[in-house]
């Protein structure tokens, strides 16, 4: 594996793609830490110091914690990328569901140029979602203590205002900047997909998730060595147990993510035009976790997002009661989430996997499943098989979703702790899928150049079967980009020391 990483720098095209991807990642992280105009940075600095010392490890619970992790801390630091890429993710999920449910969109998706139109509509919906969320976020900055996404900030504000000159102009410019930041992230994601390595949008989310890892390490040291180690000398040994458990959970996630049922399909010898197609056996792969991380996102958003919005608009007693019941600290939240994860797992498979269409394509291509008659019997067989696989995948997603809560109880950690979030949930599923996809693309490029892959036997199976495509950036443009980034970082470091 080490030789494979070394060989990636011997291929000019692959090296340029990796350097371009790294440059885009640096730009994303810089945008997270550039504050919004009009925000009092002294309050933000005090708030970030408070979060470092607070064992809760984050702002807000439920969807607030998810948005903060997905934005890479941009939400708590009030950066230009405060909302991150989540408005575009929400719009993409919405259009995927509508394309599967609305017949007109389903037909448009199959037409030439139809996918480009759907992508254009997705961008318009992204602007609308970013405008609405940006408006609510800007309005909440006048009284940040009541904003569940900035939990605990009222403990550090004291007599200082987060926004000294709050007004209509501040709200207007903040909404425009947040929309521009979301669109810039969307463009960066497209550039990474086209000219870099991996899926750009998913990679941006993964980098933002990984950015919280140093804070997790600091919290683990403070909790198990400094706080508990003084009273219990065996408390630091729990860190070793957590590392072993973390590796085991990652191995389980990788296994289930790549797990599939391969159905044998027999093709008879046939003639297509002037070509004679020889018969043989091929395999139809059906994934165990076909829905991926979507059911978890749907369940969490539906249970938390409406209550968060109601909490910002009104302070009624029934809203506080609903918030308490649906709090991630309550067992009802996990019971309802488990039920909804099961429901959305089957719903996603029912909308995205069409067994009748697959059976018809097999029949047209002269293929059949041994022991199953073509047509409707094949469709029923695929539907029955996929239902059993979906049940196993939904059970796995529910267990992974509840893993941080169960580990927190076992280790006596506070609810929604940032430490336990790396043992399951949405973050780990996204990280595993994105890293597998990137390694598969790199390995494919290595094998095309007669180099060894990452594995001695077999090849890595990624989440998406997408080859490196698109016109890569030239070496000179990448060099200029890195020089510009180095100058920006140097100026920022000098300004930091001068102000300090």
Protein backbone atom coordinates (compact mmCIF):
# COMPACT_ATOMS: atom_id res chain seq x y z
CA UNK A 1 0.00 0.00 0.00
CA UNK A 2 2.87 2.39 0.75
CA UNK A 3 4.31 1.79 -2.71
CA UNK A 4 0.90 2.59 -4.23
CA UNK A 5 0.84 5.99 -2.51
CA UNK A 6 4.39 6.60 -3.72
CA UNK A 7 3.50 5.69 -7.30
CA UNK A 8 0.68 8.24 -7.40
CA UNK A 9 3.31 11.01 -7.60
CA UNK A 10 5.03 9.33 -10.55
CA UNK A 11 2.03 9.84 -12.85
CA UNK A 12 1.85 13.51 -13.96
CA UNK A 13 -1.90 13.55 -14.62
CA UNK A 14 -2.75 11.91 -11.29
CA UNK A 15 -0.31 14.16 -9.42
CA UNK A 16 -1.85 17.30 -10.93
CA UNK A 17 -5.34 16.12 -10.00
CA UNK A 18 -4.30 15.46 -6.40
CA UNK A 19 -2.56 18.85 -6.08
CA UNK A 20 -5.61 20.61 -7.57
CA UNK A 21 -7.91 18.82 -5.12
CA UNK A 22 -5.69 19.79 -2.18
CA UNK A 23 -5.67 23.43 -3.30
CA UNK A 24 -9.47 23.49 -3.44
CA UNK A 25 -9.61 21.98 0.05
CA UNK A 26 -7.34 24.77 1.36
CA UNK A 27 -9.69 27.36 -0.15
CA UNK A 28 -12.67 25.69 1.54
CA UNK A 29 -10.97 25.74 4.93
CA UNK A 30 -9.92 29.38 4.50
CA UNK A 31 -13.49 30.39 3.72
CA UNK A 32 -14.73 28.69 6.88
CA UNK A 33 -12.55 30.92 9.08
CA UNK A 34 -13.18 34.24 7.27
CA UNK A 35 -15.85 35.94 9.44
CA UNK A 36 -19.04 37.54 8.22
CA UNK A 37 -18.90 41.36 8.05
CA UNK A 38 -20.40 43.04 11.09
CA UNK A 39 -19.87 40.13 13.51
CA UNK A 40 -17.95 40.87 16.72
CA UNK A 41 -14.94 38.55 16.49
CA UNK A 42 -14.07 38.97 20.18
CA UNK A 43 -17.34 37.21 21.07
CA UNK A 44 -16.65 34.48 18.49
CA UNK A 45 -13.14 33.90 19.88
CA UNK A 46 -14.49 33.66 23.43
CA UNK A 47 -17.20 31.29 22.23
CA UNK A 48 -14.71 29.01 20.45
CA UNK A 49 -12.56 28.92 23.59
CA UNK A 50 -15.67 28.01 25.57
CA UNK A 51 -16.42 25.13 23.18
CA UNK A 52 -12.87 23.81 23.53
CA UNK A 53 -13.23 23.64 27.30
CA UNK A 54 -16.82 22.39 27.21
CA UNK A 55 -17.11 18.60 27.20
CA UNK A 56 -20.36 18.82 25.29
CA UNK A 57 -18.16 19.45 22.31
CA UNK A 58 -20.45 21.38 20.04
CA UNK A 59 -23.27 23.75 19.53
CA UNK A 60 -26.78 22.50 19.66
CA UNK A 61 -27.99 18.96 19.33
CA UNK A 62 -29.59 16.96 16.57
CA UNK A 63 -29.61 18.77 13.27
CA UNK A 64 -27.69 21.68 14.83
CA UNK A 65 -24.73 19.42 15.51
CA UNK A 66 -25.00 17.88 12.04
CA UNK A 67 -25.01 21.27 10.32
CA UNK A 68 -22.08 22.44 12.42
CA UNK A 69 -20.03 19.33 11.62
CA UNK A 70 -20.92 19.44 7.92
CA UNK A 71 -19.94 23.12 7.73
CA UNK A 72 -16.56 22.34 9.29
CA UNK A 73 -17.13 24.71 12.19
CA UNK A 74 -18.27 27.55 9.92
CA UNK A 75 -21.55 27.75 11.81
CA UNK A 76 -19.97 28.39 15.21
CA UNK A 77 -17.27 30.69 13.82
CA UNK A 78 -19.80 32.64 11.70
CA UNK A 79 -17.64 32.25 8.59
CA UNK A 80 -18.45 32.91 4.94
CA UNK A 81 -19.31 29.22 4.56
CA UNK A 82 -21.59 29.20 7.61
CA UNK A 83 -24.15 26.88 5.98
CA UNK A 84 -21.56 24.81 4.16
CA UNK A 85 -22.74 22.69 1.26
CA UNK A 86 -25.92 21.49 3.03
CA UNK A 87 -28.38 23.65 0.98
CA UNK A 88 -27.09 22.02 -2.20
CA UNK A 89 -27.32 18.55 -0.60
CA UNK A 90 -30.92 19.24 0.43
CA UNK A 91 -31.81 20.45 -3.07
CA UNK A 92 -30.15 17.42 -4.69
CA UNK A 93 -32.03 14.99 -2.45
CA UNK A 94 -35.29 16.81 -3.17
CA UNK A 95 -34.77 16.59 -6.94
CA UNK A 96 -33.78 12.92 -6.74
CA UNK A 97 -36.99 12.08 -4.93
CA UNK A 98 -39.10 14.18 -7.28
CA UNK A 99 -37.44 12.56 -10.31
CA UNK A 100 -38.45 9.15 -8.99
CA UNK A 101 -42.01 10.14 -8.02
CA UNK A 102 -43.09 12.68 -10.68
CA UNK A 103 -43.52 10.97 -14.08
CA UNK A 104 -42.71 14.14 -16.05
CA UNK A 105 -39.35 14.54 -14.31
CA UNK A 106 -38.64 10.81 -14.72
CA UNK A 107 -39.16 11.10 -18.48
CA UNK A 108 -37.08 14.30 -18.61
CA UNK A 109 -34.22 12.56 -16.81
CA UNK A 110 -34.04 9.88 -19.51
CA UNK A 111 -34.03 12.38 -22.40
CA UNK A 112 -30.91 13.85 -23.98
CA UNK A 113 -29.97 16.94 -22.03
CA UNK A 114 -32.62 16.24 -19.41
CA UNK A 115 -30.10 15.72 -16.62
CA UNK A 116 -28.55 19.13 -17.36
CA UNK A 117 -31.96 20.77 -16.92
CA UNK A 118 -32.51 18.94 -13.63
CA UNK A 119 -29.06 20.08 -12.46
CA UNK A 120 -29.96 23.67 -13.35
CA UNK A 121 -33.21 23.47 -11.38
CA UNK A 122 -31.26 21.98 -8.47
CA UNK A 123 -29.04 25.06 -8.41
CA UNK A 124 -32.07 27.38 -8.37
CA UNK A 125 -33.57 25.43 -5.47
CA UNK A 126 -30.18 25.66 -3.71
CA UNK A 127 -30.33 29.46 -3.92
CA UNK A 128 -33.84 29.47 -2.45
CA UNK A 129 -32.90 27.14 0.43
CA UNK A 130 -29.72 29.11 1.20
CA UNK A 131 -31.72 32.37 1.19
CA UNK A 132 -34.30 31.05 3.66
CA UNK A 133 -31.75 29.45 5.99
CA UNK A 134 -29.47 32.48 5.72
CA UNK A 135 -32.33 34.80 6.65
CA UNK A 136 -33.23 32.79 9.75
CA UNK A 137 -29.56 32.61 10.73
CA UNK A 138 -29.04 36.36 10.25
CA UNK A 139 -32.17 37.21 12.25
CA UNK A 140 -31.10 34.94 15.11
CA UNK A 141 -27.78 36.78 15.52
CA UNK A 142 -29.60 39.69 17.17
CA UNK A 143 -30.32 37.38 20.13
CA UNK A 144 -27.91 34.44 19.69
CA UNK A 145 -28.70 32.94 23.10
CA UNK A 146 -32.06 31.70 21.78
CA UNK A 147 -30.51 30.16 18.67
CA UNK A 148 -30.24 26.37 19.26
CA UNK A 149 -27.47 26.22 16.65
CA UNK A 150 -25.30 28.46 18.86
CA UNK A 151 -25.95 26.76 22.17
CA UNK A 152 -23.98 28.20 25.08
CA UNK A 153 -22.94 31.45 23.41
CA UNK A 154 -24.96 33.46 25.94
CA UNK A 155 -22.48 32.29 28.61
CA UNK A 156 -19.63 34.22 26.98
CA UNK A 157 -21.34 37.28 25.47
CA UNK A 158 -21.83 39.05 28.84
CA UNK A 159 -22.28 42.74 27.97
CA UNK A 160 -21.01 42.44 24.40
CA UNK A 161 -23.25 42.14 21.36
CA UNK A 162 -22.50 39.53 18.74
CA UNK A 163 -23.61 42.03 16.09
CA UNK A 164 -23.12 45.62 17.37
CA UNK A 165 -24.86 47.27 14.39
CA UNK A 166 -27.74 44.87 13.82
CA UNK A 167 -30.35 46.03 11.32
CA UNK A 168 -31.93 45.50 7.94
CA UNK A 169 -28.70 46.21 6.06
CA UNK A 170 -26.81 43.62 8.11
CA UNK A 171 -29.49 40.98 7.43
CA UNK A 172 -29.51 41.79 3.70
CA UNK A 173 -25.74 41.62 3.22
CA UNK A 174 -25.45 38.50 5.41
CA UNK A 175 -28.04 36.65 3.33
CA UNK A 176 -26.25 37.63 0.11
CA UNK A 177 -22.86 36.55 1.46
CA UNK A 178 -24.21 33.22 2.69
CA UNK A 179 -25.84 32.55 -0.70
CA UNK A 180 -22.59 33.47 -2.46
CA UNK A 181 -20.60 31.21 -0.11
CA UNK A 182 -22.90 28.26 -0.78
CA UNK A 183 -22.70 28.78 -4.54
CA UNK A 184 -18.91 29.08 -4.34
CA UNK A 185 -18.73 25.77 -2.47
CA UNK A 186 -21.00 24.21 -5.08
CA UNK A 187 -18.71 25.46 -7.86
CA UNK A 188 -15.62 24.19 -6.02
CA UNK A 189 -17.30 20.79 -5.69
CA UNK A 190 -17.97 20.69 -9.44
CA UNK A 191 -14.36 21.66 -10.18
CA UNK A 192 -13.02 18.89 -7.90
CA UNK A 193 -15.28 16.33 -9.59
CA UNK A 194 -14.20 17.49 -13.05
CA UNK A 195 -10.51 18.25 -12.54
CA UNK A 196 -9.58 16.54 -9.30
CA UNK A 197 -10.08 13.26 -7.45
CA UNK A 198 -13.36 11.94 -6.06
CA UNK A 199 -16.82 13.45 -5.83
CA UNK A 200 -16.31 17.12 -5.00
CA UNK A 201 -19.40 17.74 -2.88
CA UNK A 202 -18.92 14.59 -0.81
CA UNK A 203 -15.23 15.39 -0.40
CA UNK A 204 -16.01 18.87 0.95
CA UNK A 205 -18.31 17.34 3.57
CA UNK A 206 -15.65 14.76 4.49
CA UNK A 207 -12.94 17.40 4.91
CA UNK A 208 -15.23 19.45 7.14
CA UNK A 209 -15.94 16.37 9.26
CA UNK A 210 -12.23 15.51 9.56
CA UNK A 211 -11.46 19.10 10.59
CA UNK A 212 -13.11 18.41 13.97
CA UNK A 213 -10.75 15.48 14.67
CA UNK A 214 -8.10 17.58 16.53
CA UNK A 215 -10.79 18.84 18.87
CA UNK A 216 -11.89 15.24 19.51
CA UNK A 217 -8.33 14.24 20.45
CA UNK A 218 -8.05 17.18 22.85
CA UNK A 219 -11.37 16.29 24.48
CA UNK A 220 -10.39 12.63 24.89
CA UNK A 221 -7.18 13.70 26.64
CA UNK A 222 -8.98 16.16 28.90
CA UNK A 223 -11.76 13.73 29.86
CA UNK A 224 -9.90 10.45 30.36
CA UNK A 225 -6.43 11.66 31.40
CA UNK A 226 -6.79 15.03 33.15
CA UNK A 227 -10.31 14.93 34.61
CA UNK A 228 -10.84 11.23 35.34
CA UNK A 229 -7.21 10.15 35.46
CA UNK A 230 -6.62 11.98 38.73
CA UNK A 231 -9.21 9.83 40.53
CA UNK A 232 -8.97 6.61 38.51
CA UNK A 233 -5.51 5.48 37.30
CA UNK A 234 -7.13 2.98 34.89
CA UNK A 235 -9.15 5.67 33.12
CA UNK A 236 -6.44 6.36 30.45
CA UNK A 237 -6.67 2.68 29.43
CA UNK A 238 -10.13 3.42 28.10
CA UNK A 239 -8.47 5.38 25.31
CA UNK A 240 -6.90 2.14 24.02
CA UNK A 241 -10.29 0.43 24.21
CA UNK A 242 -11.87 3.31 22.27
CA UNK A 243 -9.23 3.07 19.53
CA UNK A 244 -9.84 -0.68 19.16
CA UNK A 245 -13.60 -0.14 19.09
CA UNK A 246 -13.20 2.66 16.55
CA UNK A 247 -11.21 0.40 14.21
CA UNK A 248 -13.78 -2.38 14.63
CA UNK A 249 -16.66 -0.03 13.78
CA UNK A 250 -14.81 1.22 10.67
CA UNK A 251 -14.19 -2.38 9.54
CA UNK A 252 -17.88 -3.19 10.03
CA UNK A 253 -18.97 -0.10 8.09
CA UNK A 254 -16.59 -0.91 5.22
CA UNK A 255 -17.86 -4.51 5.11
CA UNK A 256 -21.53 -3.56 5.00
CA UNK A 257 -20.93 -0.66 2.61
CA UNK A 258 -19.24 -2.94 0.08
CA UNK A 259 -21.46 -5.96 0.79
CA UNK A 260 -23.62 -7.08 -2.11
CA UNK A 261 -25.64 -10.02 -3.36
CA UNK A 262 -24.38 -11.10 -6.77
CA UNK A 263 -27.18 -12.65 -8.83
CA UNK A 264 -26.02 -14.79 -11.73
CA UNK A 265 -27.44 -13.78 -15.13
CA UNK A 266 -27.07 -16.19 -18.06
CA UNK A 267 -26.85 -14.81 -21.60
CA UNK A 268 -27.47 -16.98 -24.66
CA UNK A 269 -25.46 -16.62 -27.85
CA UNK A 270 -27.13 -14.01 -30.02
CA UNK A 271 -26.58 -11.88 -33.14
CA UNK A 272 -26.73 -8.07 -32.92
CA UNK A 273 -26.50 -6.61 -36.44
CA UNK A 274 -23.40 -8.09 -38.01
CA UNK A 275 -21.84 -8.96 -34.68
CA UNK A 276 -22.25 -12.29 -32.98
CA UNK A 277 -22.39 -11.97 -29.20
CA UNK A 278 -21.13 -15.03 -27.35
CA UNK A 279 -23.11 -16.27 -24.38
CA UNK A 280 -21.86 -16.52 -20.84
CA UNK A 281 -22.58 -15.73 -17.22
CA UNK A 282 -22.53 -12.26 -15.74
CA UNK A 283 -23.56 -11.01 -12.35
CA UNK A 284 -26.12 -8.44 -11.24
CA UNK A 285 -24.89 -6.82 -7.98
CA UNK A 286 -27.50 -5.81 -5.40
CA UNK A 287 -26.03 -3.79 -2.54
CA UNK A 288 -26.93 -4.52 1.05
CA UNK A 289 -26.90 -0.83 2.00
CA UNK A 290 -28.49 0.42 -1.21
CA UNK A 291 -29.86 3.63 0.35
CA UNK A 292 -26.50 4.69 1.80
CA UNK A 293 -26.70 7.49 4.35
CA UNK A 294 -29.92 9.04 3.00
CA UNK A 295 -32.37 7.43 5.50
CA UNK A 296 -30.35 8.76 8.45
CA UNK A 297 -30.33 12.29 6.99
CA UNK A 298 -34.07 12.16 6.28
CA UNK A 299 -34.98 10.87 9.74
CA UNK A 300 -32.81 13.39 11.59
CA UNK A 301 -33.97 16.34 9.49
CA UNK A 302 -37.66 15.51 9.79
CA UNK A 303 -37.47 15.07 13.56
CA UNK A 304 -35.30 18.10 14.31
CA UNK A 305 -35.53 20.75 11.59
CA UNK A 306 -39.21 21.73 12.06
CA UNK A 307 -38.79 22.09 15.83
CA UNK A 308 -35.61 24.15 15.37
CA UNK A 309 -37.42 26.54 13.02
CA UNK A 310 -40.45 26.77 15.33
CA UNK A 311 -38.12 27.49 18.24
CA UNK A 312 -36.73 30.50 16.37
CA UNK A 313 -40.17 31.86 15.44
CA UNK A 314 -42.05 31.35 18.72
CA UNK A 315 -41.37 30.61 22.37
CA UNK A 316 -44.65 28.84 23.12
CA UNK A 317 -44.85 26.14 25.77
CA UNK A 318 -45.89 23.39 23.36
CA UNK A 319 -42.80 24.09 21.23
CA UNK A 320 -40.54 23.57 24.26
CA UNK A 321 -42.41 20.35 25.09
CA UNK A 322 -41.93 19.00 21.56
CA UNK A 323 -38.25 20.00 21.66
CA UNK A 324 -37.78 18.09 24.93
CA UNK A 325 -39.46 14.96 23.55
CA UNK A 326 -37.46 15.07 20.29
CA UNK A 327 -34.20 15.99 22.00
CA UNK A 328 -31.25 13.69 21.12
CA UNK A 329 -30.87 13.18 24.87
CA UNK A 330 -34.23 11.38 25.07
CA UNK A 331 -34.86 7.73 24.27
CA UNK A 332 -37.97 8.68 22.26
CA UNK A 333 -35.76 10.43 19.74
CA UNK A 334 -33.85 7.23 19.00
CA UNK A 335 -36.99 5.06 18.92
CA UNK A 336 -38.67 7.37 16.42
CA UNK A 337 -35.43 7.73 14.45
CA UNK A 338 -35.02 3.95 14.22
CA UNK A 339 -38.56 3.56 12.93
CA UNK A 340 -38.09 6.35 10.36
CA UNK A 341 -34.72 4.96 9.23
CA UNK A 342 -36.43 1.65 8.47
CA UNK A 343 -39.23 3.44 6.63
CA UNK A 344 -36.97 5.67 4.53
CA UNK A 345 -34.63 2.75 3.72
CA UNK A 346 -37.49 0.88 2.05
CA UNK A 347 -38.89 4.10 0.59
CA UNK A 348 -35.56 5.01 -1.02
CA UNK A 349 -35.14 1.53 -2.50
CA UNK A 350 -38.75 1.54 -3.75
CA UNK A 351 -38.23 4.85 -5.55
CA UNK A 352 -34.70 4.30 -6.89
CA UNK A 353 -34.65 0.55 -7.66
CA UNK A 354 -37.19 -0.58 -10.24
CA UNK A 355 -37.20 -4.42 -10.49
CA UNK A 356 -39.69 -4.41 -13.40
CA UNK A 357 -37.39 -2.16 -15.44
CA UNK A 358 -34.35 -4.32 -14.63
CA UNK A 359 -36.26 -7.47 -15.60
CA UNK A 360 -37.36 -5.88 -18.88
CA UNK A 361 -33.79 -4.84 -19.72
CA UNK A 362 -32.55 -8.37 -19.03
CA UNK A 363 -35.26 -9.79 -21.28
CA UNK A 364 -34.39 -7.41 -24.11
CA UNK A 365 -30.71 -8.23 -23.80
CA UNK A 366 -31.35 -11.96 -23.94
CA UNK A 367 -30.40 -12.54 -20.30
CA UNK A 368 -32.20 -14.57 -17.68
CA UNK A 369 -31.66 -15.67 -14.11
CA UNK A 370 -31.19 -19.46 -13.91
CA UNK A 371 -34.26 -21.08 -12.43
CA UNK A 372 -36.43 -17.95 -12.86
CA UNK A 373 -38.65 -17.28 -15.86
CA UNK A 374 -38.16 -13.96 -17.70
CA UNK A 375 -40.64 -11.13 -17.25
CA UNK A 376 -42.79 -10.76 -14.16
CA UNK A 377 -41.29 -13.78 -12.28
CA UNK A 378 -37.85 -12.16 -12.61
CA UNK A 379 -39.25 -8.86 -11.35
CA UNK A 380 -40.85 -10.58 -8.35
CA UNK A 381 -37.61 -12.44 -7.59
CA UNK A 382 -35.56 -9.22 -7.68
CA UNK A 383 -38.13 -7.42 -5.52
CA UNK A 384 -38.14 -10.24 -2.94
CA UNK A 385 -34.33 -10.40 -2.83
CA UNK A 386 -33.95 -6.63 -2.56
CA UNK A 387 -36.51 -6.48 0.26
CA UNK A 388 -34.50 -8.91 2.38
CA UNK A 389 -31.26 -7.05 1.65
CA UNK A 390 -32.91 -3.73 2.51
CA UNK A 391 -34.05 -5.10 5.86
CA UNK A 392 -30.46 -6.03 6.73
CA UNK A 393 -29.20 -2.65 5.52
CA UNK A 394 -31.85 -0.75 7.51
CA UNK A 395 -30.97 -2.73 10.65
CA UNK A 396 -27.31 -1.84 10.12
CA UNK A 397 -28.10 1.87 9.64
CA UNK A 398 -30.18 1.93 12.81
CA UNK A 399 -27.40 0.32 14.83
CA UNK A 400 -24.79 2.71 13.46
CA UNK A 401 -27.06 5.68 14.18
CA UNK A 402 -27.53 4.60 17.81
CA UNK A 403 -23.87 3.69 18.32
CA UNK A 404 -22.74 7.14 19.63
CA UNK A 405 -25.62 7.19 22.14
CA UNK A 406 -24.85 3.67 23.40
CA UNK A 407 -21.10 4.35 23.66
CA UNK A 408 -21.80 7.59 25.51
CA UNK A 409 -23.86 5.66 28.08
CA UNK A 410 -21.18 2.98 28.45
CA UNK A 411 -18.39 5.55 28.95
CA UNK A 412 -20.49 7.95 31.04
CA UNK A 413 -20.05 10.75 28.54
CA UNK A 414 -22.51 13.65 28.12
CA UNK A 415 -25.10 13.33 25.34
CA UNK A 416 -24.15 14.66 21.90
CA UNK A 417 -20.49 14.57 22.82
CA UNK A 418 -18.16 15.23 19.90
CA UNK A 419 -16.02 12.24 20.92
CA UNK A 420 -18.79 9.68 20.42
CA UNK A 421 -19.85 11.18 17.07
CA UNK A 422 -16.85 9.50 15.40
CA UNK A 423 -18.10 6.04 16.41
CA UNK A 424 -21.09 6.02 14.15
CA UNK A 425 -23.88 8.13 12.75
CA UNK A 426 -23.88 10.09 9.53
CA UNK A 427 -20.28 11.28 9.70
CA UNK A 428 -18.66 7.84 9.68
CA UNK A 429 -20.86 6.56 6.84
CA UNK A 430 -19.97 9.54 4.64
CA UNK A 431 -16.25 9.32 5.44
CA UNK A 432 -16.03 5.62 4.60
CA UNK A 433 -17.94 5.98 1.34
CA UNK A 434 -15.94 8.99 0.13
CA UNK A 435 -12.52 7.54 1.00
CA UNK A 436 -13.36 4.21 -0.68
CA UNK A 437 -14.47 6.05 -3.81
CA UNK A 438 -11.28 8.13 -3.92
CA UNK A 439 -9.01 5.12 -3.38
CA UNK A 440 -10.83 3.18 -6.10
CA UNK A 441 -10.33 5.98 -8.62
CA UNK A 442 -6.64 6.31 -7.75
CA UNK A 443 -6.18 2.55 -7.94
CA UNK A 444 -7.87 2.40 -11.36
CA UNK A 445 -5.47 5.05 -12.65
CA UNK A 446 -2.49 3.17 -11.22
CA UNK A 447 -3.53 -0.11 -12.84
CA UNK A 448 -3.94 1.63 -16.21
CA UNK A 449 -0.29 2.71 -15.95
CA UNK A 450 0.86 -0.84 -15.04
CA UNK A 451 1.43 0.00 -11.37
CA UNK A 452 0.29 -2.12 -8.44
CA UNK A 453 -2.91 -1.18 -6.64
CA UNK A 454 -3.55 -0.78 -2.93
CA UNK A 455 -4.45 -4.46 -2.46
CA UNK A 456 -2.40 -7.51 -3.33
CA UNK A 457 -5.50 -9.41 -4.43
CA UNK A 458 -8.56 -7.88 -6.03
CA UNK A 459 -9.49 -4.24 -6.39
CA UNK A 460 -11.15 -1.71 -4.14
CA UNK A 461 -14.87 -1.33 -4.76
CA UNK A 462 -15.94 2.26 -4.44
CA UNK A 463 -19.36 3.71 -3.80
CA UNK A 464 -19.67 5.03 -7.35
CA UNK A 465 -18.31 3.52 -10.53
CA UNK A 466 -16.96 6.77 -11.93
CA UNK A 467 -13.71 7.04 -13.83
CA UNK A 468 -11.45 10.06 -13.88
CA UNK A 469 -12.87 12.33 -16.52
CA UNK A 470 -12.83 15.92 -17.63
CA UNK A 471 -10.04 18.22 -18.65
CA UNK A 472 -7.50 18.45 -15.87
CA UNK A 473 -5.90 21.72 -14.83
CA UNK A 474 -2.49 22.44 -16.30
CA UNK A 475 0.64 22.18 -14.17
CA UNK A 476 1.38 25.90 -14.53
CA UNK A 477 -2.11 26.95 -13.37
CA UNK A 478 -1.83 24.63 -10.36
CA UNK A 479 1.55 26.18 -9.53
CA UNK A 480 0.10 29.72 -9.71
CA UNK A 481 -2.83 28.61 -7.54
CA UNK A 482 -0.55 27.22 -4.84
CA UNK A 483 1.65 30.35 -4.92
CA UNK A 484 -1.44 32.55 -4.43
CA UNK A 485 -2.62 30.38 -1.54
CA UNK A 486 0.83 30.52 0.06
CA UNK A 487 0.81 34.33 -0.13
CA UNK A 488 -2.66 34.49 1.44
CA UNK A 489 -1.66 32.15 4.27
CA UNK A 490 1.57 34.11 4.85
CA UNK A 491 -0.31 37.42 5.06
CA UNK A 492 -2.82 35.86 7.46
CA UNK A 493 -0.05 34.54 9.72
CA UNK A 494 1.70 37.93 9.78
CA UNK A 495 -1.57 39.71 10.55
CA UNK A 496 -2.29 37.20 13.35
CA UNK A 497 1.03 37.86 15.07
CA UNK A 498 0.72 41.63 14.61
CA UNK A 499 -2.78 41.70 16.14
CA UNK A 500 -1.70 39.26 18.87
